[in-house]
Every structure is written in structure tokens, then in C-alpha cells.
Protein backbone atom coordinates (compact mmCIF):
# COMPACT_ATOMS: atom_id res chain seq x y z
CA UNK A 1 73.39 58.15 86.99
CA UNK A 2 72.92 58.50 83.25
CA UNK A 3 74.17 61.88 82.03
CA UNK A 4 74.12 63.26 78.49
CA UNK A 5 76.08 66.32 77.33
CA UNK A 6 74.77 68.42 74.43
CA UNK A 7 76.86 71.14 72.75
CA UNK A 8 74.53 74.03 71.94
CA UNK A 9 77.05 76.34 70.28
CA UNK A 10 75.50 78.11 67.30
CA UNK A 11 72.14 76.33 67.60
CA UNK A 12 68.98 78.35 67.02
CA UNK A 13 66.73 78.17 70.07
CA UNK A 14 64.05 76.24 68.16
CA UNK A 15 66.55 73.63 66.99
CA UNK A 16 68.04 73.40 70.48
CA UNK A 17 64.70 72.77 72.14
CA UNK A 18 63.81 70.16 69.53
CA UNK A 19 67.13 68.45 70.30
CA UNK A 20 66.43 68.55 74.04
CA UNK A 21 63.03 66.88 73.63
CA UNK A 22 64.49 64.35 71.19
CA UNK A 23 67.15 63.39 73.75
CA UNK A 24 64.56 63.08 76.52
CA UNK A 25 62.14 61.05 74.40
CA UNK A 26 64.88 58.60 73.41
CA UNK A 27 66.41 58.22 76.87
CA UNK A 28 63.77 57.42 79.46
CA UNK A 29 66.43 56.66 82.09
CA UNK A 30 68.32 59.95 81.75
CA UNK A 31 68.81 61.79 85.04
CA UNK A 32 70.94 64.76 83.97
CA UNK A 33 71.26 66.70 80.72
CA UNK A 34 74.18 69.14 80.47
CA UNK A 35 73.93 71.96 77.92
CA UNK A 36 77.32 73.41 77.03
CA UNK A 37 77.99 76.82 75.42
CA UNK A 38 74.48 78.19 75.89
CA UNK A 39 74.32 81.77 74.61
CA UNK A 40 70.88 83.33 74.99
CA UNK A 41 68.74 80.54 73.54
CA UNK A 42 65.14 80.95 74.67
CA UNK A 43 62.50 78.59 76.07
CA UNK A 44 64.91 76.03 77.50
CA UNK A 45 62.98 73.46 79.58
CA UNK A 46 59.67 74.88 78.32
CA UNK A 47 56.79 72.75 79.57
CA UNK A 48 59.17 70.09 80.83
CA UNK A 49 57.45 67.54 83.08
CA UNK A 50 60.35 65.11 83.50
CA UNK A 51 61.67 64.74 87.05
CA UNK A 52 65.23 65.29 85.92
CA UNK A 53 68.06 67.83 86.08
CA UNK A 54 69.21 70.18 83.33
CA UNK A 55 72.54 71.96 83.81
CA UNK A 56 73.09 75.07 81.67
CA UNK A 57 76.65 76.27 81.21
CA UNK A 58 76.41 79.77 79.79
CA UNK A 59 73.69 82.45 79.65
CA UNK A 60 70.09 81.25 79.43
CA UNK A 61 67.73 83.29 77.24
CA UNK A 62 64.20 84.53 77.87
CA UNK A 63 61.46 82.30 79.27
CA UNK A 64 63.72 79.71 80.83
CA UNK A 65 61.44 77.09 82.39
CA UNK A 66 58.23 78.57 80.99
CA UNK A 67 55.31 76.28 81.98
CA UNK A 68 57.83 73.93 83.61
CA UNK A 69 56.29 71.25 85.81
CA UNK A 70 58.74 69.22 87.84
CA UNK A 71 62.30 69.46 86.53
CA UNK A 72 65.35 71.00 88.20
CA UNK A 73 67.33 73.54 86.16
CA UNK A 74 70.77 74.81 87.23
CA UNK A 75 72.28 77.80 85.42
CA UNK A 76 76.03 78.26 85.83
CA UNK A 77 75.88 81.83 84.63
CA UNK A 78 73.25 84.53 84.12
CA UNK A 79 69.68 84.30 82.87
CA UNK A 80 67.66 86.80 80.88
CA UNK A 81 64.01 87.83 81.32
CA UNK A 82 60.92 85.86 82.37
CA UNK A 83 62.60 82.94 84.14
CA UNK A 84 59.88 80.61 85.44
CA UNK A 85 57.10 82.25 83.44
CA UNK A 86 53.84 80.53 84.51
CA UNK A 87 55.87 77.76 86.12
CA UNK A 88 53.86 75.05 87.92
CA UNK A 89 56.49 73.10 89.87
CA UNK A 90 60.17 72.27 89.94
CA UNK A 91 63.27 74.25 90.83
CA UNK A 92 65.44 76.79 89.00
CA UNK A 93 68.84 77.68 90.50
CA UNK A 94 70.81 80.55 88.97
CA UNK A 95 74.42 81.16 90.01
CA UNK A 96 74.55 84.63 88.45
CA UNK A 97 72.08 87.47 87.90
CA UNK A 98 68.67 87.38 86.24
CA UNK A 99 66.63 89.89 84.27
CA UNK A 100 63.12 91.33 84.44
CA UNK A 101 59.71 89.74 85.20
CA UNK A 102 61.20 86.68 86.90
CA UNK A 103 58.37 84.36 87.97
CA UNK A 104 55.74 86.08 85.84
CA UNK A 105 52.39 84.44 86.69
CA UNK A 106 54.29 81.71 88.55
CA UNK A 107 51.92 79.19 90.19
CA UNK A 108 54.34 76.86 91.98
CA UNK A 109 57.94 75.75 92.28
CA UNK A 110 61.01 77.54 93.56
CA UNK A 111 63.50 79.94 91.95
CA UNK A 112 66.82 80.71 93.66
CA UNK A 113 69.05 83.49 92.29
CA UNK A 114 72.46 84.15 93.78
CA UNK A 115 72.83 87.65 92.37
CA UNK A 116 70.63 90.60 91.42
CA UNK A 117 67.37 90.74 89.46
CA UNK A 118 65.69 93.37 87.33
CA UNK A 119 62.24 94.94 87.24
CA UNK A 120 58.77 93.56 87.98
CA UNK A 121 59.95 90.33 89.58
CA UNK A 122 57.03 88.23 90.82
CA UNK A 123 54.44 90.17 88.80
CA UNK A 124 51.07 88.36 88.90
CA UNK A 125 52.67 85.57 90.95
CA UNK A 126 50.00 83.37 92.53
CA UNK A 127 49.58 80.23 94.62
CA UNK A 128 47.52 77.57 92.87
CA UNK A 129 45.77 74.79 94.80
CA UNK A 130 48.54 72.97 96.71
CA UNK A 131 51.29 74.77 94.80
CA UNK A 132 53.20 77.54 96.56
CA UNK A 133 55.61 79.60 94.42
CA UNK A 134 58.81 80.97 95.97
CA UNK A 135 61.50 83.32 94.64
CA UNK A 136 64.66 83.91 96.69
CA UNK A 137 66.98 86.70 95.54
CA UNK A 138 70.49 86.87 96.98
CA UNK A 139 71.24 90.39 95.78
CA UNK A 140 69.00 93.37 95.00
CA UNK A 141 65.72 93.78 93.12
CA UNK A 142 64.73 96.79 91.05
CA UNK A 143 61.37 98.60 90.84
CA UNK A 144 57.89 97.07 90.98
CA UNK A 145 58.87 93.95 92.91
CA UNK A 146 55.75 91.86 93.59
CA UNK A 147 53.53 93.97 91.34
CA UNK A 148 49.95 92.63 91.37
CA UNK A 149 51.20 89.68 93.40
CA UNK A 150 48.36 87.35 94.44
CA UNK A 151 50.14 84.58 96.36
CA UNK A 152 53.39 82.85 97.21
CA UNK A 153 56.57 84.27 98.71
CA UNK A 154 59.43 86.52 97.58
CA UNK A 155 62.57 86.88 99.72
CA UNK A 156 65.18 89.58 99.02
CA UNK A 157 68.47 89.18 100.89
CA UNK A 158 70.64 92.05 99.66
CA UNK A 159 73.82 90.12 100.40
CA UNK A 160 75.86 92.74 98.55
CA UNK A 161 75.40 94.86 101.70
CA UNK A 162 72.83 97.24 100.19
CA UNK A 163 70.83 98.61 103.11
CA UNK A 164 67.71 98.91 100.95
CA UNK A 165 67.85 95.97 98.51
CA UNK A 166 64.57 96.83 96.74
CA UNK A 167 63.66 99.60 94.34
CA UNK A 168 60.57 101.80 94.15
CA UNK A 169 56.89 100.82 93.96
CA UNK A 170 57.33 97.58 95.91
CA UNK A 171 54.07 95.63 96.05
CA UNK A 172 52.07 97.95 93.79
CA UNK A 173 48.67 96.34 93.27
CA UNK A 174 49.62 93.45 95.56
CA UNK A 175 46.58 91.57 96.90
CA UNK A 176 48.04 88.29 98.21
CA UNK A 177 51.25 86.58 99.26
CA UNK A 178 54.22 87.88 101.26
CA UNK A 179 57.53 89.61 100.62
CA UNK A 180 60.37 89.27 103.14
CA UNK A 181 63.18 91.82 102.90
CA UNK A 182 66.48 91.64 104.78
CA UNK A 183 67.31 95.17 105.87
CA UNK A 184 69.02 96.89 108.77
CA UNK A 185 66.92 100.02 108.46
CA UNK A 186 63.31 100.80 107.70
CA UNK A 187 61.78 100.70 104.24
CA UNK A 188 60.71 104.23 103.42
CA UNK A 189 56.99 104.58 102.82
CA UNK A 190 57.66 106.46 99.60
CA UNK A 191 59.11 103.34 97.89
CA UNK A 192 56.13 101.12 98.73
CA UNK A 193 52.93 100.54 96.81
CA UNK A 194 49.98 102.03 98.66
CA UNK A 195 48.45 98.55 98.94
CA UNK A 196 51.08 97.14 101.31
CA UNK A 197 52.08 97.46 104.94
CA UNK A 198 55.39 96.63 106.60
CA UNK A 199 55.60 94.63 109.85
CA UNK A 200 58.07 92.43 111.70
CA UNK A 201 57.99 88.69 111.02
CA UNK A 202 55.90 86.50 113.32
CA UNK A 203 56.72 82.92 114.34
CA UNK A 204 55.08 81.37 111.27
CA UNK A 205 56.93 83.78 108.99
CA UNK A 206 60.26 82.98 110.68
CA UNK A 207 59.78 79.24 110.15
CA UNK A 208 58.90 79.84 106.51
CA UNK A 209 61.93 82.08 106.07
CA UNK A 210 64.28 79.52 107.59
CA UNK A 211 63.09 76.78 105.27
CA UNK A 212 63.92 78.69 102.11
CA UNK A 213 67.07 80.38 103.43
CA UNK A 214 68.41 76.92 104.29
CA UNK A 215 67.76 75.86 100.69
CA UNK A 216 69.36 79.03 99.30
CA UNK A 217 72.49 78.65 101.42
CA UNK A 218 72.79 74.98 100.54
CA UNK A 219 72.72 75.82 96.83
CA UNK A 220 75.17 78.72 96.92
CA UNK A 221 77.44 77.96 99.87
CA UNK A 222 76.41 80.76 102.24
CA UNK A 223 76.28 80.40 106.01
CA UNK A 224 72.58 80.06 106.86
CA UNK A 225 73.11 81.09 110.47
CA UNK A 226 74.81 84.29 109.40
CA UNK A 227 72.06 85.14 106.92
CA UNK A 228 69.27 84.37 109.39
CA UNK A 229 70.99 86.40 112.09
CA UNK A 230 69.70 89.57 110.42
CA UNK A 231 66.62 91.73 110.59
CA UNK A 232 63.86 90.91 108.15
CA UNK A 233 60.61 92.76 107.56
CA UNK A 234 57.44 91.50 105.94
CA UNK A 235 55.41 93.30 103.30
CA UNK A 236 51.83 92.17 102.96
CA UNK A 237 48.66 93.55 101.32
CA UNK A 238 46.10 94.97 103.70
CA UNK A 239 43.32 94.53 101.11
CA UNK A 240 42.45 91.62 98.82
CA UNK A 241 40.61 94.04 96.51
CA UNK A 242 42.85 97.12 96.34
CA UNK A 243 41.04 98.55 93.32
CA UNK A 244 37.54 97.35 94.14
CA UNK A 245 36.17 100.86 94.59
CA UNK A 246 37.19 101.76 91.06
CA UNK A 247 34.85 99.16 89.57
CA UNK A 248 32.14 98.47 92.15
CA UNK A 249 29.69 100.85 93.78
């Protein structure tokens, strides 16, 4: 396997991304690019179509993997806001925490986060043709999870033992897709968007859950049987036009 290591210390994000594309353009047989000393540089792997792996050692800045279409990105650290913004395909694996609006407008691909995430994760997330976007969160999510969500799947595991691993206004404006939440208790109605209902998982949901939990546990070293041996609930929108009456008579 051909691997190239690039030291990013002190590089402006624009210079860094130019260097990344220069390396890729000059090395058609590269399979892995390792970025050392990353410290908040933005737009890493932006629009990347190469079927390759980028390993980030440090903290990735905003819009990691924006418009990405096929690559695999591994972050050995935390990531800031808007990971996977409008992502089409590929995989992003984060071994720490991530910020707000993860998966904004995401149309495909998979994002796995070992730790916690911030606000408005999965906002405007949508399935596109054969693409099916998935976000799996190992820790907790803050308010407005799945806001205006139109397709795909979000899974929140709460592995830090939080009984309610989601914040307020879950699924506000949601009109497609599913959210699976691992919880021992019931999600209080007051924390949910008025557009969603909560039910137990059916057989199809359980098979879908297992597929992505297996992937999550493989990435981060958890016991998939232990994680799956828990109660999950499903949040789904009961209307595909939650605000239709505001605009149509």
C-alpha cells in the first residue's frame, strides 16, 4: 500500500488543501494520506472523489468532507462543525467528539462519531436516489437533532450512560427518514418536535440498526452484542408536509 505523510503544522487551510490535491494529482496509486499536526484547518477532503483513505491526526476544522464523494476519512481526535456538509458518499470516522450541524444537507455516505455531538445534527439530511445517508453517534446529541430531516438514518447510542441521550426539539420539522435512540426510559413528549412520533423498532428497523451498529463497533472496538442488547425507540414523522397548511388552502 502506498502511503504518504504530510506535516500540516502551521499551514493555512487553503495552502493545506492545495497541497492535498497536489499530492493526489501526482500520485495516482496512493491509497492512504496521513495528515499530521492538524489544528482546525477547514475543508479537508472537500469534494474529494478518490476512493482512498485520509487519516487526520489532530483536530479537523469546519466542513470536513464537504461535498465528499467516495473517500474514507479517519479523524484521530475531535472535529468541529459541519462534518459531511452536503456529502454524497464515502465514510467519515471520528474517534473523538464533533460539533454542530454534522451532516448538514447530507445526501449519502456514513458518519461514525465515537463521542458526543452538538446542535442541529442531521439538519436537512436527505436520501438522494440510491444514496442513503447515515450518522451514528456514540455519545449524546444536543438540541434540534434531525431538524427538517427529509431522509436517511440517525442513530444515537448514549454510551456514556445518559438515560436520555438527546436534547430538546428532536425532529422539529422532520418530514422523512428515521432516528433510532438507545434509551432505557421513555422520551418525554416535551422534548420532541410536534411532527414526530415515537414507536418501538420493527423487524426491518432492527436489521437496519444491526448493520450500522456492527460497523460502529468494528471501528471503535465496542461489543456489538452488548450495544444491541438494549432498548431502542424509533422517531419518525407522521406527515410528509408538516407545514402544508401554512402555505396551501
